[in-house]
Amino acid sequence: MIEDDEKTFGAPLKRPMAHEIGQVLDTLSVAELDERILLLRSEIARLEETKRFKQDSQAAAAALFKL
C-alpha cells in the first residue's frame, strides 16, 4: 500500500515547480532567481519561434488563397 511505502521510504519527492507567474519571490536565492530567469528566457524564445512558424503558415495560406 502507499501508506506502507511512505512509512518505509518517506513521502515521494515533489517535483519542484518551475515558476508560477506572480509567485512570491522573497524566499528564492540569487541562484534560484538566475535559474528562473534562464528558464523564462528559453520559454520566451520557444514562444517566439512558435509564433513565427504560425505567422509563416498564415502567410503561406493567405498567398495560396489569393491566387
Protein backbone atom coordinates (compact mmCIF):
# COMPACT_ATOMS: atom_id res chain seq x y z
CA MET A 1 0.00 0.00 0.00
CA ILE A 2 1.03 3.58 -0.50
CA GLU A 3 0.96 4.31 3.23
CA ASP A 4 3.35 1.42 3.90
CA ASP A 5 5.71 2.65 1.19
CA GLU A 6 5.65 6.16 2.65
CA LYS A 7 6.46 4.78 6.12
CA THR A 8 9.37 2.78 4.72
CA PHE A 9 10.79 5.18 2.13
CA GLY A 10 9.36 8.53 3.18
CA ALA A 11 6.95 10.67 1.21
CA PRO A 12 7.62 10.81 -2.52
CA LEU A 13 9.67 13.78 -3.60
CA LYS A 14 7.64 16.53 -5.16
CA ARG A 15 8.85 17.85 -8.46
CA PRO A 16 9.79 21.48 -7.90
CA MET A 17 7.53 23.90 -9.70
CA ALA A 18 9.45 25.61 -12.47
CA HIS A 19 7.88 29.00 -11.98
CA GLU A 20 4.47 30.38 -11.31
CA ILE A 21 3.63 33.81 -12.65
CA GLY A 22 3.04 36.20 -9.76
CA GLN A 23 4.52 33.95 -7.09
CA VAL A 24 6.30 35.46 -4.10
CA LEU A 25 10.00 35.75 -4.90
CA ASP A 26 11.28 36.82 -1.49
CA THR A 27 12.20 33.28 -0.43
CA LEU A 28 14.27 32.49 -3.54
CA SER A 29 18.06 32.74 -3.51
CA VAL A 30 20.03 34.63 -6.14
CA ALA A 31 20.95 31.31 -7.78
CA GLU A 32 17.29 30.27 -7.87
CA LEU A 33 16.34 33.61 -9.38
CA ASP A 34 19.04 33.16 -12.04
CA GLU A 35 17.65 29.70 -12.83
CA ARG A 36 14.13 31.09 -13.17
CA ILE A 37 15.36 33.89 -15.45
CA LEU A 38 17.10 31.38 -17.74
CA LEU A 39 14.02 29.17 -17.73
CA LEU A 40 11.73 32.07 -18.62
CA ARG A 41 14.08 33.37 -21.33
CA SER A 42 14.16 29.97 -23.00
CA GLU A 43 10.37 29.74 -22.75
CA ILE A 44 10.03 33.17 -24.36
CA ALA A 45 12.33 32.03 -27.19
CA ARG A 46 10.18 28.91 -27.65
CA LEU A 47 7.01 31.01 -27.76
CA GLU A 48 8.53 33.44 -30.28
CA GLU A 49 9.68 30.56 -32.50
CA THR A 50 6.21 29.02 -32.46
CA LYS A 51 4.67 32.41 -33.21
CA ARG A 52 6.98 32.89 -36.23
CA PHE A 53 6.08 29.42 -37.51
CA LYS A 54 2.37 30.17 -37.22
CA GLN A 55 2.78 33.56 -38.89
CA ASP A 56 4.68 31.93 -41.77
CA SER A 57 1.94 29.31 -42.10
CA GLN A 58 -0.74 32.00 -42.14
CA ALA A 59 1.16 33.99 -44.76
CA ALA A 60 1.57 30.89 -46.94
CA ALA A 61 -2.14 30.09 -46.65
CA ALA A 62 -3.09 33.68 -47.45
CA ALA A 63 -0.81 33.68 -50.51
CA LEU A 64 -2.33 30.38 -51.69
CA PHE A 65 -5.88 31.68 -51.49
CA LYS A 66 -5.02 34.94 -53.26
CA LEU A 67 -4.36 33.03 -56.48
